[in-house]
Amino acid sequence: MTTSAAEPAGRRPWGSLDRAQIVTAALDLARREGLAALTIRRLAAETGASRMALYRHVPDKEALLEMVANAIADHEIIPEEARHGPWSRRLRHLAHGMRGQAVRYPGLADLIMTRGNHGPGGLRLAETILDILADAGLGEDATARFYLIFVDIVLGRAHRETHGDPTTPQRNAALFAAAESDDDVPRLRALTPRLRTVTPGDVFDAELDMLVLAVEAAAR
């Protein structure tokens, strides 16, 4: 069998690549290597298509990153548990869904923090957060304020976990070791064994606890 010059061996036929296939391949690459690995050239290799075939659907890397962020927000971030039940439980499930996907896709938190996500998926996610806060009984001003606080807590936590978390036992190992031999810091020395057991997940849950209490207080 011969292969035409227009379709090198191993390359898919022209016109056989659609947007859904591009999204699937981009998400798979982003999970494996992070959003920094997403380029038109790399995605062409992943799909077995030419770069020109990709350009028909995605004009540049900026559009590619927006497409991926939107797909994650549209299909993967909002868990089913965040759609039903008491508002506080829905808010917690949504927060964990957002944090989980930010960890699953390295670079996602950075992308959203620096560029935002204004595609249909990003808009739907924002609407979901606002709906949950409104169901808590907040007025419009408080809903707007706590929406931003929620986003700050979730994205901030995800960003710290990928770039250096000041709450981890590893980060504080030298501090804890010094405290064990210093009589001038008795409280720190006494609490060091407990501090070593606190995980980033524990910190995140405590942050959400404080947020829920603040929302409840504002709704009274």
N, C-alpha and C. Protein backbone atom coordinates (compact mmCIF):
# COMPACT_ATOMS: atom_id res chain seq x y z
N MET A 1 0.85 -1.19 0.00
CA MET A 1 0.00 0.00 0.00
C MET A 1 0.88 1.23 0.00
N THR A 2 0.52 2.23 -0.78
CA THR A 2 1.29 3.48 -0.83
C THR A 2 0.56 4.55 -0.06
N THR A 3 1.32 5.54 0.38
CA THR A 3 0.76 6.66 1.12
C THR A 3 1.03 7.92 0.33
N SER A 4 -0.01 8.75 0.12
CA SER A 4 0.16 9.95 -0.67
C SER A 4 1.05 10.93 0.06
N ALA A 5 1.62 11.87 -0.70
CA ALA A 5 2.48 12.89 -0.10
C ALA A 5 1.71 13.77 0.84
N ALA A 6 0.38 13.90 0.59
CA ALA A 6 -0.45 14.77 1.42
C ALA A 6 -0.76 14.13 2.76
N GLU A 7 -0.64 12.79 2.83
CA GLU A 7 -0.97 12.08 4.06
C GLU A 7 0.17 11.13 4.41
N PRO A 8 1.21 11.61 5.10
CA PRO A 8 2.35 10.78 5.46
C PRO A 8 1.91 9.57 6.27
N ALA A 9 2.72 8.53 6.24
CA ALA A 9 2.42 7.32 7.00
C ALA A 9 2.22 7.65 8.46
N GLY A 10 1.17 7.09 9.07
CA GLY A 10 0.89 7.32 10.47
C GLY A 10 0.08 8.56 10.76
N ARG A 11 -0.19 9.38 9.77
CA ARG A 11 -0.97 10.59 9.98
C ARG A 11 -2.41 10.36 9.56
N ARG A 12 -3.35 10.84 10.35
CA ARG A 12 -4.76 10.64 10.04
C ARG A 12 -5.14 11.41 8.78
N PRO A 13 -6.16 10.93 8.06
CA PRO A 13 -6.59 11.60 6.83
C PRO A 13 -7.08 13.02 7.11
N TRP A 14 -6.86 13.91 6.17
CA TRP A 14 -7.32 15.29 6.29
C TRP A 14 -8.83 15.33 6.45
N GLY A 15 -9.30 16.11 7.41
CA GLY A 15 -10.73 16.27 7.64
C GLY A 15 -11.32 15.28 8.61
N SER A 16 -10.51 14.33 9.10
CA SER A 16 -11.05 13.32 10.02
C SER A 16 -10.97 13.73 11.48
N LEU A 17 -10.34 14.87 11.77
CA LEU A 17 -10.18 15.33 13.15
C LEU A 17 -11.27 16.32 13.49
N ASP A 18 -11.98 16.10 14.60
CA ASP A 18 -13.00 17.05 15.01
C ASP A 18 -12.65 17.65 16.38
N ARG A 19 -13.43 18.63 16.78
CA ARG A 19 -13.13 19.36 18.01
C ARG A 19 -13.19 18.46 19.25
N ALA A 20 -14.14 17.54 19.28
CA ALA A 20 -14.26 16.65 20.43
C ALA A 20 -13.01 15.80 20.60
N GLN A 21 -12.44 15.33 19.49
CA GLN A 21 -11.22 14.54 19.56
C GLN A 21 -10.04 15.38 20.05
N ILE A 22 -10.01 16.63 19.62
CA ILE A 22 -8.95 17.53 20.09
C ILE A 22 -9.06 17.75 21.59
N VAL A 23 -10.27 17.99 22.07
CA VAL A 23 -10.49 18.21 23.51
C VAL A 23 -10.06 16.99 24.31
N THR A 24 -10.46 15.80 23.85
CA THR A 24 -10.10 14.57 24.56
C THR A 24 -8.60 14.39 24.63
N ALA A 25 -7.92 14.60 23.52
CA ALA A 25 -6.46 14.45 23.49
C ALA A 25 -5.78 15.51 24.35
N ALA A 26 -6.28 16.74 24.32
CA ALA A 26 -5.69 17.82 25.11
C ALA A 26 -5.87 17.56 26.61
N LEU A 27 -7.03 17.08 27.01
CA LEU A 27 -7.26 16.77 28.42
C LEU A 27 -6.35 15.65 28.89
N ASP A 28 -6.18 14.64 28.06
CA ASP A 28 -5.31 13.52 28.43
C ASP A 28 -3.87 13.99 28.60
N LEU A 29 -3.40 14.82 27.68
CA LEU A 29 -2.04 15.35 27.77
C LEU A 29 -1.88 16.24 29.00
N ALA A 30 -2.89 17.07 29.27
CA ALA A 30 -2.83 17.98 30.43
C ALA A 30 -2.80 17.21 31.74
N ARG A 31 -3.53 16.10 31.81
CA ARG A 31 -3.50 15.27 33.03
C ARG A 31 -2.12 14.65 33.23
N ARG A 32 -1.52 14.19 32.15
CA ARG A 32 -0.23 13.50 32.24
C ARG A 32 0.92 14.44 32.52
N GLU A 33 0.92 15.61 31.85
CA GLU A 33 2.11 16.46 31.88
C GLU A 33 1.84 17.90 32.29
N GLY A 34 0.58 18.24 32.53
CA GLY A 34 0.26 19.60 32.93
C GLY A 34 -0.07 20.48 31.74
N LEU A 35 -0.71 21.61 32.03
CA LEU A 35 -1.13 22.50 30.96
C LEU A 35 0.04 23.14 30.24
N ALA A 36 1.20 23.20 30.88
CA ALA A 36 2.38 23.78 30.23
C ALA A 36 2.80 22.98 29.01
N ALA A 37 2.42 21.70 28.96
CA ALA A 37 2.81 20.85 27.83
C ALA A 37 1.92 21.06 26.61
N LEU A 38 0.83 21.80 26.77
CA LEU A 38 -0.13 21.97 25.68
C LEU A 38 0.39 22.96 24.65
N THR A 39 0.73 22.47 23.50
CA THR A 39 1.08 23.29 22.35
C THR A 39 0.43 22.68 21.12
N ILE A 40 0.29 23.46 20.07
CA ILE A 40 -0.28 22.94 18.84
C ILE A 40 0.59 21.81 18.29
N ARG A 41 1.90 22.01 18.32
CA ARG A 41 2.82 20.99 17.81
C ARG A 41 2.68 19.68 18.58
N ARG A 42 2.65 19.78 19.92
CA ARG A 42 2.56 18.57 20.74
C ARG A 42 1.22 17.88 20.54
N LEU A 43 0.15 18.65 20.45
CA LEU A 43 -1.17 18.07 20.27
C LEU A 43 -1.30 17.41 18.90
N ALA A 44 -0.65 17.98 17.90
CA ALA A 44 -0.65 17.35 16.57
C ALA A 44 -0.02 15.97 16.65
N ALA A 45 1.08 15.86 17.39
CA ALA A 45 1.73 14.56 17.55
C ALA A 45 0.83 13.59 18.32
N GLU A 46 0.12 14.09 19.33
CA GLU A 46 -0.76 13.24 20.13
C GLU A 46 -1.92 12.70 19.32
N THR A 47 -2.45 13.50 18.41
CA THR A 47 -3.62 13.10 17.63
C THR A 47 -3.27 12.45 16.30
N GLY A 48 -2.00 12.51 15.92
CA GLY A 48 -1.61 11.97 14.63
C GLY A 48 -2.06 12.83 13.47
N ALA A 49 -2.30 14.10 13.74
CA ALA A 49 -2.77 15.03 12.70
C ALA A 49 -1.68 16.06 12.41
N SER A 50 -1.87 16.79 11.33
CA SER A 50 -0.95 17.88 11.02
C SER A 50 -1.32 19.11 11.84
N ARG A 51 -0.37 20.01 11.99
CA ARG A 51 -0.67 21.26 12.69
C ARG A 51 -1.73 22.06 11.94
N MET A 52 -1.69 21.99 10.61
CA MET A 52 -2.69 22.72 9.83
C MET A 52 -4.09 22.19 10.10
N ALA A 53 -4.20 20.88 10.31
CA ALA A 53 -5.51 20.31 10.64
C ALA A 53 -6.01 20.84 11.98
N LEU A 54 -5.10 20.99 12.94
CA LEU A 54 -5.49 21.54 14.24
C LEU A 54 -5.88 23.00 14.14
N TYR A 55 -5.17 23.75 13.33
CA TYR A 55 -5.45 25.18 13.19
C TYR A 55 -6.86 25.44 12.67
N ARG A 56 -7.45 24.47 12.02
CA ARG A 56 -8.83 24.63 11.55
C ARG A 56 -9.79 24.76 12.74
N HIS A 57 -9.41 24.18 13.87
CA HIS A 57 -10.28 24.17 15.05
C HIS A 57 -9.77 25.07 16.17
N VAL A 58 -8.44 25.17 16.29
CA VAL A 58 -7.82 25.93 17.39
C VAL A 58 -6.75 26.84 16.79
N PRO A 59 -6.98 28.16 16.77
CA PRO A 59 -6.06 29.05 16.06
C PRO A 59 -4.68 29.21 16.70
N ASP A 60 -4.59 29.06 18.03
CA ASP A 60 -3.30 29.26 18.69
C ASP A 60 -3.32 28.64 20.08
N LYS A 61 -2.20 28.75 20.79
CA LYS A 61 -2.10 28.13 22.12
C LYS A 61 -3.06 28.77 23.10
N GLU A 62 -3.27 30.07 23.00
CA GLU A 62 -4.20 30.75 23.91
C GLU A 62 -5.59 30.14 23.79
N ALA A 63 -6.03 29.93 22.56
CA ALA A 63 -7.35 29.33 22.34
C ALA A 63 -7.37 27.89 22.84
N LEU A 64 -6.26 27.19 22.69
CA LEU A 64 -6.17 25.81 23.17
C LEU A 64 -6.32 25.75 24.69
N LEU A 65 -5.63 26.63 25.40
CA LEU A 65 -5.73 26.67 26.86
C LEU A 65 -7.14 27.03 27.31
N GLU A 66 -7.76 27.99 26.64
CA GLU A 66 -9.13 28.36 26.97
C GLU A 66 -10.08 27.19 26.75
N MET A 67 -9.88 26.46 25.66
CA MET A 67 -10.72 25.32 25.35
C MET A 67 -10.62 24.25 26.44
N VAL A 68 -9.40 23.99 26.89
CA VAL A 68 -9.19 22.97 27.92
C VAL A 68 -9.78 23.41 29.25
N ALA A 69 -9.54 24.65 29.66
CA ALA A 69 -10.09 25.15 30.92
C ALA A 69 -11.61 25.10 30.90
N ASN A 70 -12.20 25.45 29.76
CA ASN A 70 -13.65 25.43 29.65
C ASN A 70 -14.19 24.00 29.72
N ALA A 71 -13.50 23.06 29.06
CA ALA A 71 -13.95 21.67 29.08
C ALA A 71 -13.89 21.10 30.49
N ILE A 72 -12.85 21.42 31.23
CA ILE A 72 -12.74 20.94 32.61
C ILE A 72 -13.87 21.51 33.46
N ALA A 73 -14.12 22.81 33.34
CA ALA A 73 -15.18 23.45 34.12
C ALA A 73 -16.55 22.91 33.72
N ASP A 74 -16.71 22.60 32.44
CA ASP A 74 -18.02 22.20 31.93
C ASP A 74 -18.37 20.77 32.29
N HIS A 75 -17.37 19.88 32.34
CA HIS A 75 -17.67 18.46 32.45
C HIS A 75 -17.09 17.77 33.68
N GLU A 76 -16.12 18.37 34.36
CA GLU A 76 -15.40 17.60 35.38
C GLU A 76 -15.40 18.22 36.77
N ILE A 77 -15.61 19.51 36.89
CA ILE A 77 -15.42 20.16 38.19
C ILE A 77 -16.62 20.00 39.11
N ILE A 78 -17.83 20.14 38.58
CA ILE A 78 -19.02 20.15 39.43
C ILE A 78 -19.49 18.73 39.69
N PRO A 79 -19.28 18.19 40.89
CA PRO A 79 -19.74 16.83 41.18
C PRO A 79 -21.25 16.80 41.37
N GLU A 80 -21.83 15.64 41.20
CA GLU A 80 -23.28 15.50 41.34
C GLU A 80 -23.74 15.91 42.74
N GLU A 81 -22.90 15.66 43.74
CA GLU A 81 -23.27 16.00 45.12
C GLU A 81 -23.42 17.51 45.33
N ALA A 82 -22.84 18.30 44.43
CA ALA A 82 -22.93 19.76 44.56
C ALA A 82 -24.22 20.31 43.96
N ARG A 83 -25.05 19.43 43.40
CA ARG A 83 -26.27 19.89 42.73
C ARG A 83 -27.51 19.74 43.60
N HIS A 84 -27.42 18.96 44.66
CA HIS A 84 -28.60 18.68 45.48
C HIS A 84 -28.23 18.68 46.96
N GLY A 85 -29.22 18.98 47.80
CA GLY A 85 -29.01 18.90 49.24
C GLY A 85 -28.80 20.26 49.88
N PRO A 86 -28.47 20.28 51.17
CA PRO A 86 -28.25 21.54 51.89
C PRO A 86 -27.12 22.34 51.26
N TRP A 87 -27.24 23.65 51.32
CA TRP A 87 -26.28 24.51 50.64
C TRP A 87 -24.85 24.30 51.14
N SER A 88 -24.69 24.10 52.45
CA SER A 88 -23.33 23.97 53.00
C SER A 88 -22.65 22.71 52.49
N ARG A 89 -23.42 21.63 52.38
CA ARG A 89 -22.84 20.40 51.84
C ARG A 89 -22.50 20.56 50.37
N ARG A 90 -23.38 21.22 49.62
CA ARG A 90 -23.12 21.45 48.19
C ARG A 90 -21.86 22.30 48.00
N LEU A 91 -21.72 23.33 48.87
CA LEU A 91 -20.56 24.21 48.76
C LEU A 91 -19.26 23.44 49.02
N ARG A 92 -19.29 22.57 50.02
CA ARG A 92 -18.10 21.77 50.33
C ARG A 92 -17.75 20.82 49.18
N HIS A 93 -18.76 20.15 48.65
CA HIS A 93 -18.50 19.22 47.55
C HIS A 93 -17.95 19.96 46.33
N LEU A 94 -18.50 21.13 46.06
CA LEU A 94 -18.01 21.91 44.92
C LEU A 94 -16.56 22.35 45.15
N ALA A 95 -16.26 22.79 46.36
CA ALA A 95 -14.89 23.21 46.68
C ALA A 95 -13.91 22.05 46.49
N HIS A 96 -14.29 20.88 46.97
CA HIS A 96 -13.40 19.72 46.81
C HIS A 96 -13.29 19.30 45.35
N GLY A 97 -14.38 19.46 44.59
CA GLY A 97 -14.31 19.16 43.17
C GLY A 97 -13.35 20.09 42.45
N MET A 98 -13.42 21.37 42.75
CA MET A 98 -12.52 22.34 42.13
C MET A 98 -11.07 22.09 42.51
N ARG A 99 -10.84 21.86 43.80
CA ARG A 99 -9.47 21.59 44.25
C ARG A 99 -8.92 20.31 43.62
N GLY A 100 -9.76 19.29 43.56
CA GLY A 100 -9.32 18.02 43.00
C GLY A 100 -8.91 18.14 41.54
N GLN A 101 -9.70 18.87 40.75
CA GLN A 101 -9.36 19.02 39.34
C GLN A 101 -8.13 19.90 39.15
N ALA A 102 -7.96 20.89 40.02
CA ALA A 102 -6.77 21.74 39.93
C ALA A 102 -5.51 20.93 40.20
N VAL A 103 -5.60 19.95 41.09
CA VAL A 103 -4.46 19.08 41.36
C VAL A 103 -4.29 18.06 40.24
N ARG A 104 -5.41 17.59 39.71
CA ARG A 104 -5.37 16.59 38.63
C ARG A 104 -4.77 17.16 37.36
N TYR A 105 -5.01 18.46 37.12
CA TYR A 105 -4.49 19.12 35.93
C TYR A 105 -3.47 20.18 36.36
N PRO A 106 -2.21 19.82 36.50
CA PRO A 106 -1.20 20.79 36.93
C PRO A 106 -1.17 22.02 36.03
N GLY A 107 -1.21 23.18 36.65
CA GLY A 107 -1.22 24.43 35.90
C GLY A 107 -2.59 25.04 35.74
N LEU A 108 -3.66 24.27 36.06
CA LEU A 108 -5.01 24.79 35.89
C LEU A 108 -5.27 25.97 36.81
N ALA A 109 -4.87 25.85 38.08
CA ALA A 109 -5.10 26.95 39.02
C ALA A 109 -4.38 28.21 38.56
N ASP A 110 -3.14 28.06 38.09
CA ASP A 110 -2.38 29.21 37.60
C ASP A 110 -3.10 29.87 36.43
N LEU A 111 -3.60 29.04 35.52
CA LEU A 111 -4.29 29.57 34.33
C LEU A 111 -5.51 30.39 34.72
N ILE A 112 -6.32 29.85 35.62
CA ILE A 112 -7.54 30.54 36.02
C ILE A 112 -7.22 31.79 36.83
N MET A 113 -6.19 31.72 37.67
CA MET A 113 -5.83 32.87 38.49
C MET A 113 -5.29 34.02 37.65
N THR A 114 -4.60 33.70 36.55
CA THR A 114 -3.99 34.76 35.74
C THR A 114 -4.86 35.20 34.58
N ARG A 115 -5.70 34.29 34.06
CA ARG A 115 -6.48 34.63 32.86
C ARG A 115 -7.98 34.51 33.05
N GLY A 116 -8.41 33.85 34.12
CA GLY A 116 -9.83 33.63 34.30
C GLY A 116 -10.34 32.54 33.39
N ASN A 117 -11.62 32.29 33.45
CA ASN A 117 -12.27 31.30 32.58
C ASN A 117 -13.65 31.82 32.24
N HIS A 118 -13.78 32.45 31.07
CA HIS A 118 -15.03 33.10 30.70
C HIS A 118 -15.80 32.33 29.64
N GLY A 119 -15.42 31.08 29.39
CA GLY A 119 -16.17 30.24 28.46
C GLY A 119 -17.46 29.75 29.09
N PRO A 120 -18.28 29.01 28.33
CA PRO A 120 -19.55 28.50 28.87
C PRO A 120 -19.37 27.69 30.15
N GLY A 121 -18.32 26.86 30.21
CA GLY A 121 -18.09 26.08 31.42
C GLY A 121 -17.75 26.95 32.62
N GLY A 122 -16.91 27.96 32.40
CA GLY A 122 -16.56 28.88 33.48
C GLY A 122 -17.76 29.68 33.96
N LEU A 123 -18.60 30.10 33.02
CA LEU A 123 -19.81 30.84 33.40
C LEU A 123 -20.75 29.95 34.21
N ARG A 124 -20.89 28.70 33.80
CA ARG A 124 -21.78 27.78 34.51
C ARG A 124 -21.25 27.50 35.91
N LEU A 125 -19.94 27.38 36.04
CA LEU A 125 -19.35 27.16 37.37
C LEU A 125 -19.61 28.36 38.27
N ALA A 126 -19.40 29.56 37.75
CA ALA A 126 -19.65 30.77 38.55
C ALA A 126 -21.12 30.84 38.97
N GLU A 127 -22.02 30.50 38.04
CA GLU A 127 -23.45 30.54 38.36
C GLU A 127 -23.79 29.52 39.45
N THR A 128 -23.15 28.36 39.40
CA THR A 128 -23.40 27.33 40.41
C THR A 128 -22.97 27.81 41.79
N ILE A 129 -21.80 28.42 41.88
CA ILE A 129 -21.33 28.95 43.17
C ILE A 129 -22.30 29.99 43.70
N LEU A 130 -22.71 30.91 42.84
CA LEU A 130 -23.62 31.97 43.26
C LEU A 130 -24.98 31.42 43.68
N ASP A 131 -25.47 30.40 42.97
CA ASP A 131 -26.74 29.77 43.34
C ASP A 131 -26.67 29.17 44.74
N ILE A 132 -25.57 28.49 45.03
CA ILE A 132 -25.41 27.87 46.35
C ILE A 132 -25.38 28.92 47.45
N LEU A 133 -24.65 30.00 47.22
CA LEU A 133 -24.57 31.06 48.23
C LEU A 133 -25.90 31.77 48.40
N ALA A 134 -26.62 31.96 47.30
CA ALA A 134 -27.94 32.58 47.40
C ALA A 134 -28.89 31.68 48.19
N ASP A 135 -28.77 30.37 48.01
CA ASP A 135 -29.62 29.43 48.75
C ASP A 135 -29.32 29.45 50.25
N ALA A 136 -28.16 29.98 50.63
CA ALA A 136 -27.83 30.12 52.05
C ALA A 136 -28.61 31.26 52.69
N GLY A 137 -29.27 32.06 51.88
CA GLY A 137 -30.05 33.18 52.40
C GLY A 137 -29.32 34.50 52.40
N LEU A 138 -28.23 34.59 51.66
CA LEU A 138 -27.48 35.85 51.60
C LEU A 138 -28.15 36.85 50.68
N GLY A 139 -27.96 38.13 51.00
CA GLY A 139 -28.36 39.19 50.09
C GLY A 139 -27.37 39.30 48.95
N GLU A 140 -27.66 40.18 48.00
CA GLU A 140 -26.81 40.28 46.81
C GLU A 140 -25.39 40.73 47.14
N ASP A 141 -25.25 41.72 48.01
CA ASP A 141 -23.91 42.20 48.35
C ASP A 141 -23.08 41.10 49.01
N ALA A 142 -23.68 40.39 49.96
CA ALA A 142 -22.96 39.32 50.65
C ALA A 142 -22.68 38.15 49.71
N THR A 143 -23.62 37.84 48.83
CA THR A 143 -23.39 36.77 47.86
C THR A 143 -22.19 37.08 46.99
N ALA A 144 -22.11 38.31 46.50
CA ALA A 144 -20.97 38.71 45.67
C ALA A 144 -19.67 38.62 46.44
N ARG A 145 -19.68 39.08 47.68
CA ARG A 145 -18.46 39.06 48.49
C ARG A 145 -18.00 37.63 48.78
N PHE A 146 -18.93 36.78 49.19
CA PHE A 146 -18.55 35.41 49.54
C PHE A 146 -18.22 34.57 48.30
N TYR A 147 -18.75 34.94 47.15
CA TYR A 147 -18.34 34.28 45.91
C TYR A 147 -16.84 34.47 45.70
N LEU A 148 -16.38 35.69 45.84
CA LEU A 148 -14.96 35.98 45.64
C LEU A 148 -14.10 35.33 46.72
N ILE A 149 -14.61 35.30 47.95
CA ILE A 149 -13.87 34.65 49.03
C ILE A 149 -13.74 33.15 48.76
N PHE A 150 -14.82 32.54 48.30
CA PHE A 150 -14.80 31.11 47.98
C PHE A 150 -13.77 30.81 46.90
N VAL A 151 -13.79 31.58 45.83
CA VAL A 151 -12.83 31.38 44.73
C VAL A 151 -11.40 31.56 45.23
N ASP A 152 -11.20 32.57 46.07
CA ASP A 152 -9.86 32.83 46.60
C ASP A 152 -9.37 31.67 47.46
N ILE A 153 -10.23 31.12 48.30
CA ILE A 153 -9.85 30.01 49.16
C ILE A 153 -9.48 28.78 48.33
N VAL A 154 -10.34 28.43 47.38
CA VAL A 154 -10.15 27.20 46.61
C VAL A 154 -8.93 27.30 45.69
N LEU A 155 -8.87 28.36 44.90
CA LEU A 155 -7.75 28.50 43.97
C LEU A 155 -6.44 28.76 44.72
N GLY A 156 -6.52 29.51 45.82
CA GLY A 156 -5.32 29.75 46.61
C GLY A 156 -4.76 28.47 47.19
N ARG A 157 -5.64 27.61 47.70
CA ARG A 157 -5.21 26.33 48.24
C ARG A 157 -4.58 25.47 47.15
N ALA A 158 -5.22 25.39 45.98
CA ALA A 158 -4.68 24.59 44.88
C ALA A 158 -3.34 25.13 44.41
N HIS A 159 -3.22 26.44 44.34
CA HIS A 159 -1.96 27.06 43.91
C HIS A 159 -0.84 26.75 44.89
N ARG A 160 -1.13 26.86 46.18
CA ARG A 160 -0.09 26.59 47.19
C ARG A 160 0.34 25.12 47.16
N GLU A 161 -0.59 24.24 46.91
CA GLU A 161 -0.24 22.82 46.91
C GLU A 161 0.65 22.44 45.73
N THR A 162 0.63 23.22 44.67
CA THR A 162 1.47 22.93 43.52
C THR A 162 2.75 23.77 43.50
N HIS A 163 2.79 24.86 44.27
CA HIS A 163 3.95 25.75 44.21
C HIS A 163 4.71 25.87 45.54
N GLY A 164 4.22 25.23 46.57
CA GLY A 164 4.90 25.33 47.86
C GLY A 164 3.92 25.72 48.94
N ASP A 165 3.53 24.75 49.75
CA ASP A 165 2.50 24.96 50.76
C ASP A 165 3.15 25.21 52.12
N PRO A 166 2.95 26.39 52.70
CA PRO A 166 3.59 26.70 53.99
C PRO A 166 3.02 25.94 55.16
N THR A 167 1.95 25.16 54.95
CA THR A 167 1.33 24.45 56.06
C THR A 167 1.78 23.00 56.18
N THR A 168 2.54 22.48 55.23
CA THR A 168 2.89 21.06 55.28
C THR A 168 3.95 20.77 56.34
N PRO A 169 3.93 19.55 56.90
CA PRO A 169 4.97 19.18 57.86
C PRO A 169 6.37 19.26 57.25
N GLN A 170 6.49 18.93 55.96
CA GLN A 170 7.81 19.00 55.32
C GLN A 170 8.32 20.44 55.28
N ARG A 171 7.43 21.36 54.96
CA ARG A 171 7.82 22.77 54.89
C ARG A 171 8.26 23.29 56.26
N ASN A 172 7.66 22.76 57.33
CA ASN A 172 7.94 23.25 58.68
C ASN A 172 8.86 22.34 59.48
N ALA A 173 9.49 21.39 58.81
CA ALA A 173 10.32 20.40 59.52
C ALA A 173 11.42 21.06 60.34
N ALA A 174 12.10 22.05 59.77
CA ALA A 174 13.20 22.71 60.50
C ALA A 174 12.67 23.47 61.71
N LEU A 175 11.53 24.12 61.57
CA LEU A 175 10.92 24.84 62.68
C LEU A 175 10.57 23.89 63.82
N PHE A 176 9.95 22.77 63.47
CA PHE A 176 9.55 21.81 64.49
C PHE A 176 10.77 21.20 65.18
N ALA A 177 11.80 20.90 64.42
CA ALA A 177 13.01 20.32 65.00
C ALA A 177 13.67 21.30 65.97
N ALA A 178 13.70 22.57 65.60
CA ALA A 178 14.29 23.58 66.48
C ALA A 178 13.47 23.75 67.75
N ALA A 179 12.15 23.66 67.64
CA ALA A 179 11.28 23.85 68.80
C ALA A 179 11.47 22.75 69.84
N GLU A 180 11.79 21.54 69.38
CA GLU A 180 11.93 20.41 70.30
C GLU A 180 13.09 20.58 71.28
N SER A 181 14.04 21.43 70.95
CA SER A 181 15.20 21.62 71.84
C SER A 181 15.29 23.03 72.40
N ASP A 182 14.17 23.77 72.34
CA ASP A 182 14.19 25.16 72.80
C ASP A 182 13.15 25.34 73.90
N ASP A 183 13.61 25.62 75.12
CA ASP A 183 12.71 25.78 76.25
C ASP A 183 11.95 27.10 76.22
N ASP A 184 12.33 28.02 75.36
CA ASP A 184 11.67 29.32 75.30
C ASP A 184 10.37 29.31 74.50
N VAL A 185 10.07 28.18 73.86
CA VAL A 185 8.82 28.10 73.08
C VAL A 185 8.03 26.87 73.54
N PRO A 186 7.58 26.87 74.80
CA PRO A 186 6.95 25.67 75.36
C PRO A 186 5.67 25.26 74.64
N ARG A 187 4.87 26.24 74.22
CA ARG A 187 3.62 25.88 73.56
C ARG A 187 3.88 25.25 72.18
N LEU A 188 4.79 25.87 71.44
CA LEU A 188 5.14 25.32 70.13
C LEU A 188 5.73 23.92 70.27
N ARG A 189 6.58 23.74 71.26
CA ARG A 189 7.19 22.42 71.47
C ARG A 189 6.13 21.39 71.83
N ALA A 190 5.17 21.78 72.66
CA ALA A 190 4.13 20.84 73.07
C ALA A 190 3.22 20.45 71.91
N LEU A 191 2.99 21.40 71.00
CA LEU A 191 2.07 21.14 69.89
C LEU A 191 2.75 20.58 68.65
N THR A 192 4.06 20.51 68.65
CA THR A 192 4.78 20.03 67.47
C THR A 192 4.32 18.64 67.01
N PRO A 193 4.12 17.66 67.90
CA PRO A 193 3.65 16.36 67.42
C PRO A 193 2.30 16.45 66.70
N ARG A 194 1.42 17.31 67.18
CA ARG A 194 0.12 17.48 66.52
C ARG A 194 0.26 18.24 65.21
N LEU A 195 1.12 19.25 65.20
CA LEU A 195 1.33 20.02 63.97
C LEU A 195 1.87 19.13 62.85
N ARG A 196 2.65 18.14 63.21
CA ARG A 196 3.22 17.25 62.20
C ARG A 196 2.16 16.36 61.54
N THR A 197 1.01 16.22 62.17
CA THR A 197 -0.02 15.33 61.62
C THR A 197 -1.06 16.07 60.79
N VAL A 198 -1.03 17.39 60.80
CA VAL A 198 -2.02 18.17 60.05
C VAL A 198 -1.68 18.14 58.56
N THR A 199 -2.64 17.74 57.74
CA THR A 199 -2.42 17.63 56.29
C THR A 199 -3.01 18.84 55.57
N PRO A 200 -2.62 19.07 54.31
CA PRO A 200 -3.26 20.13 53.53
C PRO A 200 -4.77 19.94 53.43
N GLY A 201 -5.22 18.69 53.39
CA GLY A 201 -6.66 18.45 53.36
C GLY A 201 -7.34 18.91 54.63
N ASP A 202 -6.68 18.70 55.77
CA ASP A 202 -7.22 19.18 57.05
C ASP A 202 -7.34 20.71 57.05
N VAL A 203 -6.31 21.36 56.54
CA VAL A 203 -6.32 22.83 56.47
C VAL A 203 -7.45 23.31 55.57
N PHE A 204 -7.61 22.66 54.44
CA PHE A 204 -8.66 23.05 53.49
C PHE A 204 -10.04 22.87 54.12
N ASP A 205 -10.26 21.76 54.80
CA ASP A 205 -11.55 21.54 55.45
C ASP A 205 -11.81 22.59 56.53
N ALA A 206 -10.77 22.98 57.26
CA ALA A 206 -10.92 24.01 58.28
C ALA A 206 -11.25 25.36 57.64
N GLU A 207 -10.63 25.65 56.51
CA GLU A 207 -10.94 26.89 55.80
C GLU A 207 -12.40 26.90 55.36
N LEU A 208 -12.88 25.76 54.88
CA LEU A 208 -14.28 25.67 54.47
C LEU A 208 -15.21 25.77 55.67
N ASP A 209 -14.81 25.19 56.80
CA ASP A 209 -15.61 25.33 58.03
C ASP A 209 -15.79 26.80 58.39
N MET A 210 -14.69 27.55 58.35
CA MET A 210 -14.75 28.98 58.69
C MET A 210 -15.60 29.75 57.68
N LEU A 211 -15.51 29.36 56.41
CA LEU A 211 -16.32 30.03 55.39
C LEU A 211 -17.80 29.78 55.62
N VAL A 212 -18.16 28.53 55.89
CA VAL A 212 -19.56 28.20 56.14
C VAL A 212 -20.09 28.96 57.36
N LEU A 213 -19.31 29.01 58.43
CA LEU A 213 -19.74 29.75 59.62
C LEU A 213 -19.92 31.23 59.32
N ALA A 214 -19.03 31.79 58.51
CA ALA A 214 -19.14 33.21 58.15
C ALA A 214 -20.37 33.46 57.29
N VAL A 215 -20.67 32.55 56.37
CA VAL A 215 -21.87 32.69 55.54
C VAL A 215 -23.12 32.60 56.41
N GLU A 216 -23.14 31.64 57.33
CA GLU A 216 -24.29 31.49 58.22
C GLU A 216 -24.50 32.75 59.05
N ALA A 217 -23.41 33.33 59.55
CA ALA A 217 -23.52 34.56 60.35
C ALA A 217 -24.04 35.72 59.50
N ALA A 218 -23.58 35.81 58.27
CA ALA A 218 -24.01 36.90 57.40
C ALA A 218 -25.45 36.76 56.96
N ALA A 219 -25.96 35.52 56.95
CA ALA A 219 -27.33 35.28 56.50
C ALA A 219 -28.36 35.49 57.60
N ARG A 220 -27.91 35.67 58.83
CA ARG A 220 -28.87 35.83 59.94
C ARG A 220 -29.56 37.19 59.88
